[in-house]
Protein backbone atom coordinates (compact mmCIF):
# COMPACT_ATOMS: atom_id res chain seq x y z
CA MET A 1 0.00 0.00 0.00
CA SER A 2 1.47 3.35 -1.04
CA GLU A 3 2.13 6.10 1.46
CA PRO A 4 -0.35 9.00 1.46
CA GLU A 5 0.85 12.02 -0.47
CA ALA A 6 2.34 14.71 1.77
CA VAL A 7 0.33 17.91 2.06
CA PRO A 8 2.42 20.81 0.76
CA ALA A 9 3.25 23.51 3.28
CA ALA A 10 2.80 27.20 2.55
CA THR A 11 6.15 28.85 1.90
CA ARG A 12 4.75 32.19 0.69
CA VAL A 13 2.54 33.87 3.27
CA ALA A 14 0.99 37.34 3.38
CA VAL A 15 -0.53 38.97 6.45
CA ILE A 16 -2.96 41.85 6.86
CA MET A 17 -1.93 42.96 10.35
CA ASP A 18 -5.21 44.37 11.66
CA GLY A 19 -6.36 45.31 15.14
CA ASN A 20 -3.66 47.51 16.66
CA GLY A 21 -6.07 50.38 17.31
CA ARG A 22 -8.75 48.20 18.87
CA TRP A 23 -6.15 46.45 21.03
CA ALA A 24 -5.07 49.83 22.41
CA THR A 25 -8.61 51.15 22.86
CA GLU A 26 -9.66 48.06 24.80
CA ARG A 27 -6.85 48.80 27.26
CA GLY A 28 -7.42 52.54 27.49
CA LEU A 29 -4.14 53.23 25.74
CA PRO A 30 -3.31 55.66 22.91
CA VAL A 31 -3.50 54.15 19.44
CA LEU A 32 0.25 54.44 18.94
CA ALA A 33 0.76 52.07 21.88
CA GLY A 34 -1.14 49.47 19.88
CA HIS A 35 1.11 50.05 16.89
CA ARG A 36 4.20 49.65 19.07
CA GLN A 37 2.89 46.38 20.45
CA GLY A 38 2.04 45.30 16.92
CA ALA A 39 5.65 45.99 15.90
CA LYS A 40 6.85 43.69 18.68
CA THR A 41 4.48 41.02 17.42
CA LEU A 42 5.84 41.36 13.89
CA LYS A 43 9.40 40.99 15.14
CA GLN A 44 8.52 37.67 16.77
CA ILE A 45 6.43 36.44 13.85
CA VAL A 46 9.36 37.07 11.51
CA LYS A 47 11.53 34.84 13.72
CA ASP A 48 8.79 32.20 13.84
CA SER A 49 8.34 32.34 10.07
CA VAL A 50 12.04 31.73 9.51
CA ALA A 51 11.92 28.77 11.91
CA LEU A 52 8.86 27.35 10.14
CA GLY A 53 10.52 27.44 6.74
CA ILE A 54 8.51 30.28 5.23
CA GLU A 55 10.48 31.72 2.32
CA GLU A 56 8.47 34.88 1.64
CA LEU A 57 6.49 36.84 4.22
CA THR A 58 4.57 39.89 3.01
CA VAL A 59 3.02 42.21 5.60
CA TYR A 60 0.63 45.12 5.12
CA ALA A 61 2.22 47.91 7.14
CA PHE A 62 0.70 51.13 5.79
CA SER A 63 -1.80 51.56 2.98
CA THR A 64 -2.33 54.43 0.56
CA GLU A 65 -5.64 54.99 2.38
CA ASN A 66 -4.02 55.24 5.81
CA TRP A 67 -2.89 58.81 5.09
CA SER A 68 -6.48 59.85 5.87
CA ARG A 69 -6.08 58.85 9.53
CA PRO A 70 -5.59 61.55 12.20
CA THR A 71 -2.42 63.56 11.60
CA ASP A 72 -0.87 62.70 14.97
CA GLU A 73 -1.38 58.98 14.35
CA VAL A 74 0.17 59.15 10.88
CA GLN A 75 3.12 61.20 12.15
CA GLY A 76 3.62 58.76 15.02
CA LEU A 77 3.55 55.82 12.62
CA MET A 78 6.17 57.41 10.38
CA GLU A 79 8.44 58.06 13.35
CA LEU A 80 7.90 54.54 14.67
CA PHE A 81 8.64 53.04 11.27
CA GLY A 82 11.90 54.96 11.03
CA GLU A 83 12.92 53.88 14.54
CA LEU A 84 12.22 50.25 13.74
CA LEU A 85 14.23 50.32 10.53
CA VAL A 86 17.28 51.57 12.40
CA SER A 87 16.92 49.22 15.36
CA GLU A 88 15.72 46.03 13.67
CA THR A 89 17.60 45.91 10.36
CA PRO A 90 20.87 44.62 11.90
CA GLU A 91 19.01 41.79 13.65
CA LEU A 92 17.10 40.90 10.49
CA ASP A 93 20.41 40.82 8.67
CA GLU A 94 21.82 38.40 11.25
CA GLN A 95 18.78 36.14 10.76
CA GLY A 96 19.39 36.03 7.02
CA VAL A 97 16.23 37.99 6.21
CA ARG A 98 16.15 40.19 3.12
CA MET A 99 14.08 43.36 3.41
CA ARG A 100 12.08 44.59 0.43
CA PHE A 101 9.61 47.49 0.46
CA VAL A 102 6.68 47.57 -1.94
CA GLY A 103 4.58 50.63 -2.55
CA ARG A 104 4.81 54.23 -3.70
CA ARG A 105 7.59 56.44 -2.37
CA GLU A 106 5.60 59.63 -3.08
CA GLY A 107 4.56 61.23 0.20
CA VAL A 108 7.26 59.44 2.19
CA SER A 109 9.79 61.82 3.74
CA GLU A 110 13.25 61.93 2.21
CA ARG A 111 14.79 60.71 5.48
CA LEU A 112 12.45 57.73 5.75
CA ALA A 113 12.97 56.84 2.08
CA GLU A 114 16.74 56.87 2.70
CA GLN A 115 16.31 54.58 5.71
CA MET A 116 14.25 52.18 3.59
CA ASP A 117 16.95 52.18 0.89
CA TRP A 118 19.59 51.54 3.57
CA SER A 119 17.66 48.62 5.04
CA GLU A 120 17.25 47.03 1.62
CA ALA A 121 20.93 47.47 0.84
CA GLU A 122 22.10 46.10 4.20
CA THR A 123 20.05 42.90 3.82
CA GLY A 124 20.10 42.58 0.05
CA GLU A 125 22.35 39.51 -0.10
CA ASN A 126 20.35 37.45 2.39
CA GLU A 127 18.52 34.36 1.15
CA ARG A 128 16.94 32.65 4.15
CA MET A 129 13.66 34.57 3.89
CA THR A 130 12.42 37.71 2.16
CA LEU A 131 10.28 40.09 4.20
CA PHE A 132 8.19 42.19 1.84
CA VAL A 133 6.83 45.25 3.65
CA ALA A 134 3.85 46.84 1.90
CA PHE A 135 4.28 50.49 2.87
CA ASN A 136 2.34 53.33 1.29
CA TYR A 137 0.86 50.47 -0.69
CA GLY A 138 -2.44 49.95 -2.46
CA GLY A 139 -3.33 47.09 -4.77
CA ARG A 140 -5.20 49.35 -7.16
CA ALA A 141 -2.34 51.86 -7.19
CA GLU A 142 0.09 49.05 -8.00
CA ILE A 143 -2.01 47.91 -10.94
CA LEU A 144 -2.47 51.47 -12.19
CA ASP A 145 1.26 52.18 -11.94
CA ALA A 146 2.02 48.99 -13.87
CA ALA A 147 -0.64 49.74 -16.48
CA ALA A 148 0.84 53.19 -17.10
CA ARG A 149 4.09 51.51 -18.23
CA TYR A 150 2.58 48.50 -19.96
CA ASP A 151 2.77 48.37 -23.74
CA GLY A 152 1.80 44.79 -24.41
CA GLY A 153 3.25 41.34 -24.02
CA GLY A 154 0.65 39.48 -21.98
CA GLU A 155 0.19 38.58 -18.33
CA GLU A 156 3.82 37.79 -17.55
CA ALA A 157 5.02 41.05 -19.08
CA PHE A 158 2.46 42.96 -17.02
CA ALA A 159 3.45 41.15 -13.80
CA ASP A 160 7.07 42.18 -14.43
CA LEU A 161 5.93 45.80 -14.01
CA LEU A 162 4.50 45.32 -10.51
CA TYR A 163 6.33 46.79 -7.50
CA ALA A 164 8.17 43.55 -6.68
CA PRO A 165 8.15 41.29 -9.74
CA GLU A 166 10.33 38.79 -7.90
CA MET A 167 7.57 38.24 -5.30
CA GLY A 168 5.82 34.92 -5.71
CA ASP A 169 2.03 34.89 -5.47
CA PRO A 170 1.18 34.20 -1.82
CA GLU A 171 -0.20 30.75 -1.22
CA LEU A 172 -1.84 31.88 2.00
CA VAL A 173 -3.21 35.26 3.08
CA ILE A 174 -3.96 35.72 6.79
CA ARG A 175 -6.07 38.56 8.15
CA THR A 176 -6.29 39.20 11.87
CA SER A 177 -8.93 40.89 14.08
CA GLY A 178 -11.96 39.08 12.68
CA GLU A 179 -12.40 41.25 9.59
CA HIS A 180 -13.18 39.41 6.35
CA ARG A 181 -11.99 41.66 3.55
CA LEU A 182 -8.89 42.21 1.44
CA SER A 183 -8.63 46.00 1.94
CA ASN A 184 -6.82 46.69 -1.33
CA PHE A 185 -3.97 44.28 -0.53
CA LEU A 186 -2.15 42.31 -3.25
CA LEU A 187 -5.13 42.37 -5.60
CA TRP A 188 -3.14 40.94 -8.51
CA GLN A 189 -1.00 38.48 -6.55
CA SER A 190 -3.77 36.97 -4.40
CA ALA A 191 -6.02 35.93 -7.29
CA TYR A 192 -5.75 32.26 -6.24
CA SER A 193 -4.50 32.57 -2.68
CA GLU A 194 -6.14 30.70 0.17
CA PHE A 195 -7.47 32.90 3.00
CA VAL A 196 -7.53 32.30 6.73
CA PHE A 197 -9.28 34.82 8.99
CA SER A 198 -8.16 35.00 12.60
CA GLU A 199 -10.28 36.54 15.36
CA VAL A 200 -7.11 37.50 17.23
CA LEU A 201 -6.09 41.17 17.22
CA TRP A 202 -2.66 41.58 15.65
CA PRO A 203 -0.78 42.53 18.87
CA ASP A 204 -1.94 39.21 20.39
CA PHE A 205 -1.11 37.12 17.31
CA ASP A 206 1.53 34.50 18.11
CA ARG A 207 3.28 31.42 16.77
CA ALA A 208 0.42 29.13 17.82
CA GLU A 209 -2.04 31.23 15.80
CA LEU A 210 0.34 31.28 12.84
CA GLU A 211 0.70 27.52 13.00
CA ARG A 212 -3.09 27.16 13.19
CA ALA A 213 -3.41 29.15 9.97
CA LEU A 214 -0.72 27.06 8.28
CA GLN A 215 -2.45 23.86 9.40
CA GLU A 216 -5.76 25.08 8.02
CA TYR A 217 -4.06 25.90 4.73
CA ALA A 218 -2.68 22.37 4.60
CA THR A 219 -6.22 20.98 4.55
CA ARG A 220 -7.23 23.03 1.50
CA SER A 221 -7.29 21.74 -2.07
CA ARG A 222 -5.95 24.36 -4.46
CA ARG A 223 -7.43 23.92 -7.95
CA PHE A 224 -6.68 27.29 -9.58
CA GLY A 225 -10.07 27.29 -11.29
CA ALA A 226 -9.94 23.67 -12.46
CA ARG A 227 -12.12 20.78 -11.32
CA GLU A 228 -10.78 17.88 -9.33
């Protein structure tokens, strides 16, 4: 009797990190405290992802729509992001993680853009895992920007014009905080992704919840539009 076929594991995972604000509000804390706790969660999830053999992790950090949030929150997020780039890039480099930012640079301060370039350069030779950070990112904006430069050649030629053409389509997209929507995230790349929705707010997301999502993915049958 032949052995059962092994269920393939997800090696390309994307996460919509939702719930920082609600986490803070529930505790009577300022919203930025939720974002800081969410940053700590991301740091640990990156380590867990490396340990679990994930090759590409894409996280939704700041959308093109997030600029409409209160000015103090946006300013605080920009400052926090800059702090994290400086403090965390060396450790990511030691872990063998390559940093790659996807999104528009318009509207991002010159200093922050330089820090993003520095982080990419410092980790550019790493191969253990790529961390794609969707920052000032919108799926529609990405498609529009690609379309503006597209002059034919088919689907592959169009995909080469996306922000990170080397990014593989995510096999699994996870959204936290109980919301069930894509929120303009990876509209092109997630056409055939599997989705897992977690009720856990992002600051409370942990390895056990990540593993639960990966286990649920492993039970799915991916047909890409075909019949079994």
